PDB file of N, CA and C in Angstrom:
ATOM      1  N   MET A   1     -18.483 -12.795 -10.262  1.00  0.00           N
ATOM      2  CA  MET A   1     -18.638 -11.484  -8.918  1.00  0.00           C
ATOM      3  C   MET A   1     -18.997 -10.490  -9.359  1.00  0.00           C
ATOM      4  N   ALA A   2     -19.725 -10.160 -10.494  1.00  0.00           N
ATOM      5  CA  ALA A   2     -20.567  -9.251 -10.975  1.00  0.00           C
ATOM      6  C   ALA A   2     -21.672  -8.105 -10.692  1.00  0.00           C
ATOM      7  N   THR A   3     -22.532  -8.712  -9.535  1.00  0.00           N
ATOM      8  CA  THR A   3     -22.948  -8.410  -8.456  1.00  0.00           C
ATOM      9  C   THR A   3     -23.003  -8.643  -7.600  1.00  0.00           C
ATOM     10  N   ASN A   4     -24.286  -8.005  -6.662  1.00  0.00           N
ATOM     11  CA  ASN A   4     -23.840  -7.611  -5.539  1.00  0.00           C
ATOM     12  C   ASN A   4     -24.383  -9.167  -4.648  1.00  0.00           C
ATOM     13  N   ARG A   5     -24.027  -9.571  -3.419  1.00  0.00           N
ATOM     14  CA  ARG A   5     -24.331 -10.384  -2.662  1.00  0.00           C
ATOM     15  C   ARG A   5     -25.796 -10.206  -2.660  1.00  0.00           C
ATOM     16  N   MET A   6     -26.436 -11.431  -2.533  1.00  0.00           N
ATOM     17  CA  MET A   6     -27.980 -11.318  -2.201  1.00  0.00           C
ATOM     18  C   MET A   6     -28.247 -11.970  -0.712  1.00  0.00           C
ATOM     19  N   PHE A   7     -28.128 -11.785   0.494  1.00  0.00           N
ATOM     20  CA  PHE A   7     -28.012 -12.050   1.814  1.00  0.00           C
ATOM     21  C   PHE A   7     -29.672 -12.960   2.244  1.00  0.00           C
ATOM     22  N   ARG A   8     -30.650 -12.391   1.433  1.00  0.00           N
ATOM     23  CA  ARG A   8     -31.623 -13.626   1.296  1.00  0.00           C
ATOM     24  C   ARG A   8     -32.563 -13.933   3.306  1.00  0.00           C
ATOM     25  N   GLY A   9     -32.837 -12.893   3.419  1.00  0.00           N
ATOM     26  CA  GLY A   9     -33.015 -12.803   4.765  1.00  0.00           C
ATOM     27  C   GLY A   9     -32.159 -12.936   5.775  1.00  0.00           C
ATOM     28  N   LYS A  10     -30.860 -13.373   6.164  1.00  0.00           N
ATOM     29  CA  LYS A  10     -29.696 -14.174   6.917  1.00  0.00           C
ATOM     30  C   LYS A  10     -29.272 -12.783   7.717  1.00  0.00           C
ATOM     31  N   PRO A  11     -28.891 -12.488   8.598  1.00  0.00           N
ATOM     32  CA  PRO A  11     -28.623 -11.202   9.421  1.00  0.00           C
ATOM     33  C   PRO A  11     -27.296 -10.603   9.318  1.00  0.00           C
ATOM     34  N   ILE A  12     -27.234  -9.227   9.085  1.00  0.00           N
ATOM     35  CA  ILE A  12     -26.648  -9.167   8.337  1.00  0.00           C
ATOM     36  C   ILE A  12     -25.936  -7.732   9.517  1.00  0.00           C
ATOM     37  N   ARG A  13     -24.381  -7.690   9.846  1.00  0.00           N
ATOM     38  CA  ARG A  13     -23.817  -6.622  10.325  1.00  0.00           C
ATOM     39  C   ARG A  13     -22.855  -5.962   9.187  1.00  0.00           C
ATOM     40  N   ARG A  14     -22.339  -4.411   9.394  1.00  0.00           N
ATOM     41  CA  ARG A  14     -22.066  -4.058   8.668  1.00  0.00           C
ATOM     42  C   ARG A  14     -20.850  -3.845   9.061  1.00  0.00           C
ATOM     43  N   LEU A  15     -19.127  -4.174   8.416  1.00  0.00           N
ATOM     44  CA  LEU A  15     -18.898  -4.518   9.140  1.00  0.00           C
ATOM     45  C   LEU A  15     -17.034  -2.787   8.341  1.00  0.00           C
ATOM     46  N   ILE A  16     -16.397  -2.173   9.267  1.00  0.00           N
ATOM     47  CA  ILE A  16     -16.096  -1.133   8.417  1.00  0.00           C
ATOM     48  C   ILE A  16     -13.789  -1.242   8.675  1.00  0.00           C
ATOM     49  N   VAL A  17     -13.378  -1.001   7.499  1.00  0.00           N
ATOM     50  CA  VAL A  17     -12.245  -1.898   7.696  1.00  0.00           C
ATOM     51  C   VAL A  17     -11.028  -0.555   7.087  1.00  0.00           C
ATOM     52  N   SER A  18      -9.758  -0.862   8.190  1.00  0.00           N
ATOM     53  CA  SER A  18      -9.406   0.845   7.157  1.00  0.00           C
ATOM     54  C   SER A  18      -7.984  -0.028   6.715  1.00  0.00           C
ATOM     55  N   VAL A  19      -7.822  -0.033   5.431  1.00  0.00           N
ATOM     56  CA  VAL A  19      -6.865  -0.317   4.173  1.00  0.00           C
ATOM     57  C   VAL A  19      -5.838   0.307   3.532  1.00  0.00           C
ATOM     58  N   GLU A  20      -4.973  -0.294   3.767  1.00  0.00           N
ATOM     59  CA  GLU A  20      -3.541   0.652   3.309  1.00  0.00           C
ATOM     60  C   GLU A  20      -3.752   0.877   1.805  1.00  0.00           C
ATOM     61  N   MET A  21      -3.864   1.774   1.320  1.00  0.00           N
ATOM     62  CA  MET A  21      -3.960   2.475   0.015  1.00  0.00           C
ATOM     63  C   MET A  21      -3.969   1.522  -0.987  1.00  0.00           C
ATOM     64  N   GLU A  22      -1.899   0.991  -1.263  1.00  0.00           N
ATOM     65  CA  GLU A  22      -1.981  -0.005  -1.953  1.00  0.00           C
ATOM     66  C   GLU A  22      -2.944  -0.853  -2.114  1.00  0.00           C
ATOM     67  N   THR A  23      -3.763  -1.482  -1.031  1.00  0.00           N
ATOM     68  CA  THR A  23      -4.179  -2.250  -1.213  1.00  0.00           C
ATOM     69  C   THR A  23      -5.375  -1.811  -1.913  1.00  0.00           C
ATOM     70  N   VAL A  24      -6.094  -1.295  -1.612  1.00  0.00           N
ATOM     71  CA  VAL A  24      -7.221  -0.980  -2.761  1.00  0.00           C
ATOM     72  C   VAL A  24      -6.770  -0.325  -3.681  1.00  0.00           C
ATOM     73  N   GLU A  25      -6.075  -0.491  -4.031  1.00  0.00           N
ATOM     74  CA  GLU A  25      -5.626   0.077  -5.439  1.00  0.00           C
ATOM     75  C   GLU A  25      -5.449  -1.254  -6.574  1.00  0.00           C
ATOM     76  N   ALA A  26      -4.507  -2.635  -5.117  1.00  0.00           N
ATOM     77  CA  ALA A  26      -4.402  -3.645  -6.292  1.00  0.00           C
ATOM     78  C   ALA A  26      -5.828  -4.411  -6.048  1.00  0.00           C
ATOM     79  N   ILE A  27      -6.612  -4.442  -5.331  1.00  0.00           N
ATOM     80  CA  ILE A  27      -8.125  -4.699  -5.553  1.00  0.00           C
ATOM     81  C   ILE A  27      -8.464  -4.108  -6.677  1.00  0.00           C
ATOM     82  N   ASP A  28      -8.705  -3.041  -6.678  1.00  0.00           N
ATOM     83  CA  ASP A  28      -9.320  -2.332  -8.088  1.00  0.00           C
ATOM     84  C   ASP A  28      -8.713  -2.173  -9.463  1.00  0.00           C
ATOM     85  N   ASN A  29      -7.333  -2.888  -8.877  1.00  0.00           N
ATOM     86  CA  ASN A  29      -6.674  -2.814 -10.989  1.00  0.00           C
ATOM     87  C   ASN A  29      -7.142  -5.007 -10.495  1.00  0.00           C
ATOM     88  N   TYR A  30      -7.511  -4.676 -10.282  1.00  0.00           N
ATOM     89  CA  TYR A  30      -7.747  -6.776 -10.336  1.00  0.00           C
ATOM     90  C   TYR A  30      -9.320  -7.016 -10.529  1.00  0.00           C
ATOM     91  N   LEU A  31      -9.882  -5.978 -10.653  1.00  0.00           N
ATOM     92  CA  LEU A  31     -11.434  -5.715 -10.119  1.00  0.00           C
ATOM     93  C   LEU A  31     -11.829  -5.352 -11.966  1.00  0.00           C
ATOM     94  N   LYS A  32     -10.830  -4.657 -12.195  1.00  0.00           N
ATOM     95  CA  LYS A  32     -10.695  -4.770 -13.747  1.00  0.00           C
ATOM     96  C   LYS A  32     -11.084  -4.968 -14.484  1.00  0.00           C
ATOM     97  N   GLY A  33      -9.320  -5.278 -13.973  1.00  0.00           N
ATOM     98  CA  GLY A  33      -8.694  -6.347 -15.542  1.00  0.00           C
ATOM     99  C   GLY A  33      -8.055  -5.121 -16.541  1.00  0.00           C
ATOM    100  N   ASP A  34      -8.996  -5.914 -17.518  1.00  0.00           N
ATOM    101  CA  ASP A  34      -8.676  -5.585 -18.938  1.00  0.00           C
ATOM    102  C   ASP A  34      -9.658  -4.896 -19.278  1.00  0.00           C
ATOM    103  N   LYS A  35     -10.781  -4.905 -18.588  1.00  0.00           N
ATOM    104  CA  LYS A  35     -12.105  -4.409 -19.267  1.00  0.00           C
ATOM    105  C   LYS A  35     -12.419  -3.448 -19.211  1.00  0.00           C
ATOM    106  N   PRO A  36     -13.223  -2.118 -20.178  1.00  0.00           N
ATOM    107  CA  PRO A  36     -13.075  -0.812 -19.621  1.00  0.00           C
ATOM    108  C   PRO A  36     -14.521  -0.165 -18.527  1.00  0.00           C
ATOM    109  N   TRP A  37     -14.578  -1.543 -17.961  1.00  0.00           N
ATOM    110  CA  TRP A  37     -15.872  -1.453 -16.289  1.00  0.00           C
ATOM    111  C   TRP A  37     -15.859  -2.709 -15.805  1.00  0.00           C
ATOM    112  N   SER A  38     -16.175  -2.128 -14.700  1.00  0.00           N
ATOM    113  CA  SER A  38     -15.572  -2.934 -13.363  1.00  0.00           C
ATOM    114  C   SER A  38     -16.699  -4.214 -13.461  1.00  0.00           C
ATOM    115  N   MET A  39     -15.348  -5.329 -12.346  1.00  0.00           N
ATOM    116  CA  MET A  39     -16.332  -7.263 -12.776  1.00  0.00           C
ATOM    117  C   MET A  39     -17.359  -6.365 -11.301  1.00  0.00           C
ATOM    118  N   GLY A  40     -16.816  -6.424 -10.397  1.00  0.00           N
ATOM    119  CA  GLY A  40     -17.337  -6.639  -9.692  1.00  0.00           C
ATOM    120  C   GLY A  40     -17.438  -5.343  -8.423  1.00  0.00           C
ATOM    121  N   ASN A  41     -17.327  -5.457  -6.671  1.00  0.00           N
ATOM    122  CA  ASN A  41     -17.295  -4.283  -5.700  1.00  0.00           C
ATOM    123  C   ASN A  41     -16.186  -4.755  -5.104  1.00  0.00           C
ATOM    124  N   ARG A  42     -15.894  -3.392  -4.723  1.00  0.00           N
ATOM    125  CA  ARG A  42     -14.900  -4.233  -3.475  1.00  0.00           C
ATOM    126  C   ARG A  42     -15.607  -4.781  -2.067  1.00  0.00           C
ATOM    127  N   SER A  43     -16.763  -4.859  -1.727  1.00  0.00           N
ATOM    128  CA  SER A  43     -17.017  -5.248  -0.234  1.00  0.00           C
ATOM    129  C   SER A  43     -17.385  -6.402  -0.500  1.00  0.00           C
ATOM    130  N   GLU A  44     -17.648  -6.919  -1.253  1.00  0.00           N
ATOM    131  CA  GLU A  44     -17.568  -8.361  -1.407  1.00  0.00           C
ATOM    132  C   GLU A  44     -16.771  -8.305  -1.896  1.00  0.00           C
ATOM    133  N   PHE A  45     -15.592  -8.463  -2.474  1.00  0.00           N
ATOM    134  CA  PHE A  45     -14.247  -8.664  -2.873  1.00  0.00           C
ATOM    135  C   PHE A  45     -13.760  -9.369  -1.322  1.00  0.00           C
ATOM    136  N   VAL A  46     -13.974  -8.061  -0.413  1.00  0.00           N
ATOM    137  CA  VAL A  46     -13.771  -8.530   0.585  1.00  0.00           C
ATOM    138  C   VAL A  46     -13.773  -9.513   1.555  1.00  0.00           C
ATOM    139  N   ARG A  47     -15.547  -9.556   1.775  1.00  0.00           N
ATOM    140  CA  ARG A  47     -16.273 -10.607   2.074  1.00  0.00           C
ATOM    141  C   ARG A  47     -15.676 -11.929   1.317  1.00  0.00           C
ATOM    142  N   LEU A  48     -16.142 -12.205   0.217  1.00  0.00           N
ATOM    143  CA  LEU A  48     -15.246 -13.181   0.036  1.00  0.00           C
ATOM    144  C   LEU A  48     -13.876 -14.032   0.306  1.00  0.00           C
ATOM    145  N   ALA A  49     -12.933 -12.589   0.380  1.00  0.00           N
ATOM    146  CA  ALA A  49     -12.023 -13.605   0.907  1.00  0.00           C
ATOM    147  C   ALA A  49     -11.142 -13.807   2.465  1.00  0.00           C
ATOM    148  N   ILE A  50     -12.233 -13.051   2.706  1.00  0.00           N
ATOM    149  CA  ILE A  50     -12.509 -13.224   4.483  1.00  0.00           C
ATOM    150  C   ILE A  50     -12.904 -14.473   4.554  1.00  0.00           C
ATOM    151  N   GLU A  51     -14.270 -15.148   4.134  1.00  0.00           N
ATOM    152  CA  GLU A  51     -14.578 -16.487   3.795  1.00  0.00           C
ATOM    153  C   GLU A  51     -14.110 -17.937   3.368  1.00  0.00           C
ATOM    154  N   GLU A  52     -12.640 -17.100   2.378  1.00  0.00           N
ATOM    155  CA  GLU A  52     -11.820 -18.240   2.098  1.00  0.00           C
ATOM    156  C   GLU A  52     -11.123 -18.287   3.243  1.00  0.00           C
ATOM    157  N   LYS A  53      -9.978 -17.072   3.530  1.00  0.00           N
ATOM    158  CA  LYS A  53      -9.478 -17.248   4.943  1.00  0.00           C
ATOM    159  C   LYS A  53      -9.733 -18.181   5.866  1.00  0.00           C
ATOM    160  N   LEU A  54     -10.992 -17.567   6.195  1.00  0.00           N
ATOM    161  CA  LEU A  54     -11.520 -18.117   7.279  1.00  0.00           C
ATOM    162  C   LEU A  54     -11.354 -20.252   6.780  1.00  0.00           C
ATOM    163  N   ARG A  55     -12.163 -20.319   5.520  1.00  0.00           N
ATOM    164  CA  ARG A  55     -12.777 -22.195   5.507  1.00  0.00           C
ATOM    165  C   ARG A  55     -10.954 -22.347   5.455  1.00  0.00           C
ATOM    166  N   ARG A  56      -9.872 -21.747   4.670  1.00  0.00           N
ATOM    167  CA  ARG A  56      -8.234 -22.418   4.894  1.00  0.00           C
ATOM    168  C   ARG A  56      -7.901 -22.296   6.097  1.00  0.00           C
ATOM    169  N   ASP A  57      -8.075 -21.527   6.976  1.00  0.00           N
ATOM    170  CA  ASP A  57      -7.832 -22.027   8.748  1.00  0.00           C
ATOM    171  C   ASP A  57      -7.904 -22.587   9.456  1.00  0.00           C
ATOM    172  N   SER A  58      -9.564 -22.019   9.317  1.00  0.00           N
ATOM    173  CA  SER A  58     -10.645 -23.187  10.367  1.00  0.00           C
ATOM    174  C   SER A  58     -11.003 -24.695  10.240  1.00  0.00           C
ATOM    175  N   ASP A  59     -11.082 -25.636  10.288  1.00  0.00           N
ATOM    176  CA  ASP A  59     -11.789 -26.813  10.164  1.00  0.00           C
ATOM    177  C   ASP A  59     -13.499 -27.242  10.759  1.00  0.00           C
ATOM    178  N   ASP A  60     -13.968 -26.180  11.148  1.00  0.00           N
ATOM    179  CA  ASP A  60     -15.143 -26.299  11.509  1.00  0.00           C
ATOM    180  C   ASP A  60     -15.924 -24.775  10.800  1.00  0.00           C
ATOM    181  N   TYR A  61     -15.357 -23.682   9.902  1.00  0.00           N
ATOM    182  CA  TYR A  61     -16.421 -22.782   9.963  1.00  0.00           C
ATOM    183  C   TYR A  61     -17.043 -23.372   8.219  1.00  0.00           C
ATOM    184  N   ARG A  62     -18.072 -23.065   8.666  1.00  0.00           N
ATOM    185  CA  ARG A  62     -19.612 -23.381   7.086  1.00  0.00           C
ATOM    186  C   ARG A  62     -18.747 -22.904   6.080  1.00  0.00           C
ATOM    187  N   THR A  63     -19.058 -23.974   5.402  1.00  0.00           N
ATOM    188  CA  THR A  63     -18.789 -23.034   4.107  1.00  0.00           C
ATOM    189  C   THR A  63     -21.067 -23.335   3.590  1.00  0.00           C
ATOM    190  N   TYR A  64     -20.833 -22.207   1.943  1.00  0.00           N
ATOM    191  CA  TYR A  64     -21.875 -21.625   2.293  1.00  0.00           C
ATOM    192  C   TYR A  64     -22.508 -22.888   0.803  1.00  0.00           C
TER     193      TYR A  64
END
């Protein structure tokens, strides 16, 4: 997850969410790990988490 996802011409829509500060800090800690640089970005982490949740909870959600 080191780079931003390429949408390859697919239509996109910006999604704005509010999240508790503790959750943001947990994401930052996870992405940084033990490395002096960040391995990814929050938006990509959240996008992947949403897709994973949809796959788990919905039999008909498409996979990429």
